[in-house]
C-alpha atoms as a PDB file:
ATOM      1  CA  MET A   1     -28.452  56.970  52.624  1.00  0.00           C
ATOM      2  CA  THR A   2     -24.908  55.381  51.916  1.00  0.00           C
ATOM      3  CA  GLU A   3     -24.922  53.643  48.421  1.00  0.00           C
ATOM      4  CA  LYS A   4     -23.466  49.868  48.605  1.00  0.00           C
ATOM      5  CA  LYS A   5     -20.380  49.562  46.805  1.00  0.00           C
ATOM      6  CA  PRO A   6     -20.720  46.677  43.699  1.00  0.00           C
ATOM      7  CA  ARG A   7     -19.202  43.360  44.646  1.00  0.00           C
ATOM      8  CA  ARG A   8     -15.752  43.123  43.285  1.00  0.00           C
ATOM      9  CA  VAL A   9     -15.172  39.550  41.236  1.00  0.00           C
ATOM     10  CA  PHE A  10     -11.305  38.414  40.970  1.00  0.00           C
ATOM     11  CA  ASP A  11     -10.385  35.828  38.237  1.00  0.00           C
ATOM     12  CA  ALA A  12      -8.291  32.672  39.282  1.00  0.00           C
ATOM     13  CA  ALA A  13      -5.128  34.016  38.147  1.00  0.00           C
ATOM     14  CA  PHE A  14      -5.420  37.335  40.429  1.00  0.00           C
ATOM     15  CA  LYS A  15      -6.212  34.968  43.495  1.00  0.00           C
ATOM     16  CA  LEU A  16      -2.994  32.881  42.718  1.00  0.00           C
ATOM     17  CA  GLN A  17      -1.131  36.028  42.191  1.00  0.00           C
ATOM     18  CA  VAL A  18      -1.767  37.499  45.380  1.00  0.00           C
ATOM     19  CA  VAL A  19      -1.652  34.078  47.210  1.00  0.00           C
ATOM     20  CA  LYS A  20       2.250  33.881  45.520  1.00  0.00           C
ATOM     21  CA  MET A  21       2.910  37.627  47.062  1.00  0.00           C
ATOM     22  CA  VAL A  22       2.198  36.151  50.571  1.00  0.00           C
ATOM     23  CA  ARG A  23       3.812  32.361  50.546  1.00  0.00           C
ATOM     24  CA  GLU A  24       6.356  32.896  47.900  1.00  0.00           C
ATOM     25  CA  GLN A  25       7.474  36.526  48.367  1.00  0.00           C
ATOM     26  CA  GLY A  26       6.832  36.377  52.309  1.00  0.00           C
ATOM     27  CA  LEU A  27       4.708  39.779  52.142  1.00  0.00           C
ATOM     28  CA  ASN A  28       2.224  40.295  55.141  1.00  0.00           C
ATOM     29  CA  ILE A  29      -1.169  39.607  54.623  1.00  0.00           C
ATOM     30  CA  GLY A  30      -2.636  43.042  55.861  1.00  0.00           C
ATOM     31  CA  GLN A  31      -0.079  45.022  53.874  1.00  0.00           C
ATOM     32  CA  VAL A  32      -1.196  42.898  50.550  1.00  0.00           C
ATOM     33  CA  CYS A  33      -4.468  44.193  51.225  1.00  0.00           C
ATOM     34  CA  LYS A  34      -3.747  47.377  51.791  1.00  0.00           C
ATOM     35  CA  ASP A  35      -1.946  48.062  48.923  1.00  0.00           C
ATOM     36  CA  LEU A  36      -4.483  46.037  46.737  1.00  0.00           C
ATOM     37  CA  LYS A  37      -7.573  47.451  48.408  1.00  0.00           C
ATOM     38  CA  LEU A  38      -8.435  43.932  49.269  1.00  0.00           C
ATOM     39  CA  VAL A  39     -10.560  42.345  52.333  1.00  0.00           C
ATOM     40  CA  ASP A  40      -8.161  40.271  55.243  1.00  0.00           C
ATOM     41  CA  SER A  41     -11.003  37.336  55.233  1.00  0.00           C
ATOM     42  CA  ALA A  42     -10.843  36.908  51.118  1.00  0.00           C
ATOM     43  CA  VAL A  43      -7.025  36.672  50.886  1.00  0.00           C
ATOM     44  CA  ARG A  44      -6.869  34.372  53.650  1.00  0.00           C
ATOM     45  CA  ARG A  45      -9.933  32.388  52.030  1.00  0.00           C
ATOM     46  CA  TRP A  46      -7.821  32.242  49.106  1.00  0.00           C
ATOM     47  CA  LEU A  47      -4.648  31.105  51.199  1.00  0.00           C
ATOM     48  CA  THR A  48      -6.700  28.638  52.454  1.00  0.00           C
ATOM     49  CA  GLN A  49      -8.113  27.279  49.137  1.00  0.00           C
ATOM     50  CA  PHE A  50      -4.540  27.070  47.568  1.00  0.00           C
ATOM     51  CA  ASP A  51      -3.199  25.229  50.407  1.00  0.00           C
ATOM     52  CA  GLU A  52      -6.020  22.673  50.273  1.00  0.00           C
ATOM     53  CA  GLU A  53      -4.944  22.319  46.687  1.00  0.00           C
ATOM     54  CA  ILE A  54      -1.081  21.626  47.235  1.00  0.00           C
ATOM     55  CA  ALA A  55      -2.164  19.219  49.729  1.00  0.00           C
ATOM     56  CA  GLY A  56      -4.140  17.427  46.721  1.00  0.00           C
ATOM     57  CA  ARG A  57      -7.573  18.207  48.161  1.00  0.00           C
ATOM     58  CA  SER A  58     -10.235  20.443  46.202  1.00  0.00           C
ATOM     59  CA  GLY A  59     -10.676  22.656  48.954  1.00  0.00           C
ATOM     60  CA  ILE A  60     -14.442  24.286  49.179  1.00  0.00           C
ATOM     61  CA  GLY A  61     -14.114  27.455  46.873  1.00  0.00           C
ATOM     62  CA  LYS A  62     -13.339  27.790  42.973  1.00  0.00           C
ATOM     63  CA  PRO A  63      -9.858  26.226  42.273  1.00  0.00           C
ATOM     64  CA  LEU A  64      -6.883  28.812  41.943  1.00  0.00           C
ATOM     65  CA  THR A  65      -4.449  26.671  40.329  1.00  0.00           C
ATOM     66  CA  ALA A  66      -4.866  25.383  36.567  1.00  0.00           C
ATOM     67  CA  GLU A  67      -4.363  21.907  37.547  1.00  0.00           C
ATOM     68  CA  HIS A  68      -7.264  21.816  39.952  1.00  0.00           C
ATOM     69  CA  GLN A  69      -9.733  24.124  37.601  1.00  0.00           C
ATOM     70  CA  ARG A  70      -9.036  20.905  35.179  1.00  0.00           C
ATOM     71  CA  ILE A  71      -9.713  18.604  37.781  1.00  0.00           C
ATOM     72  CA  ARG A  72     -13.140  20.138  38.452  1.00  0.00           C
ATOM     73  CA  GLN A  73     -13.994  20.359  34.935  1.00  0.00           C
ATOM     74  CA  LEU A  74     -13.289  16.442  34.632  1.00  0.00           C
ATOM     75  CA  GLU A  75     -15.324  15.590  37.699  1.00  0.00           C
ATOM     76  CA  ALA A  76     -18.268  17.467  35.890  1.00  0.00           C
ATOM     77  CA  GLU A  77     -17.752  15.849  33.009  1.00  0.00           C
ATOM     78  CA  ASN A  78     -17.533  12.405  34.473  1.00  0.00           C
ATOM     79  CA  ARG A  79     -20.748  13.154  36.432  1.00  0.00           C
ATOM     80  CA  GLN A  80     -22.866  14.139  33.042  1.00  0.00           C
ATOM     81  CA  LEU A  81     -21.407  11.073  31.290  1.00  0.00           C
ATOM     82  CA  LYS A  82     -22.762   9.081  34.296  1.00  0.00           C
ATOM     83  CA  SER A  83     -25.722  10.386  34.310  1.00  0.00           C
ATOM     84  CA  ASP A  84     -26.508  10.153  30.402  1.00  0.00           C
ATOM     85  CA  ASN A  85     -25.127   6.666  30.893  1.00  0.00           C
ATOM     86  CA  GLU A  86     -27.733   5.490  33.424  1.00  0.00           C
ATOM     87  CA  LEU A  87     -30.490   7.315  31.160  1.00  0.00           C
ATOM     88  CA  LEU A  88     -29.379   5.090  28.432  1.00  0.00           C
ATOM     89  CA  LYS A  89     -29.614   1.926  30.623  1.00  0.00           C
ATOM     90  CA  LYS A  90     -33.141   2.744  31.657  1.00  0.00           C
ATOM     91  CA  ALA A  91     -33.902   3.596  28.037  1.00  0.00           C
ATOM     92  CA  SER A  92     -32.635   0.279  26.411  1.00  0.00           C
ATOM     93  CA  ALA A  93     -34.614  -1.507  29.488  1.00  0.00           C
ATOM     94  CA  PHE A  94     -37.553   0.466  28.638  1.00  0.00           C
ATOM     95  CA  PHE A  95     -37.475  -0.630  25.002  1.00  0.00           C
ATOM     96  CA  ALA A  96     -36.384  -4.116  25.670  1.00  0.00           C
ATOM     97  CA  ARG A  97     -39.442  -4.754  27.317  1.00  0.00           C
ATOM     98  CA  GLU A  98     -41.510  -3.087  24.963  1.00  0.00           C
ATOM     99  CA  MET A  99     -40.186  -5.279  22.207  1.00  0.00           C
ATOM    100  CA  THR A 100     -41.378  -8.562  24.141  1.00  0.00           C
END
């Protein structure tokens, strides 16, 4: 029976470094994958994510650039604040009815 290798996890800084190796240094995707022991599909996904972020879109994966990481954080915070605000509106309406 073949033992399954644990899934490797890469942080955004590493992914961005790999993307820059391909985009800025002009290295071949296949060679980068071979040198760093990466899967071609993962590197291509990181490249797509980076291209989406550069184009001003959020893409589908975890953000690679610090700017988009901050945008995602602020969007999540904004959603939470809107939810909290709705809850407070409902609570104040409830208590206003109770007072009359």
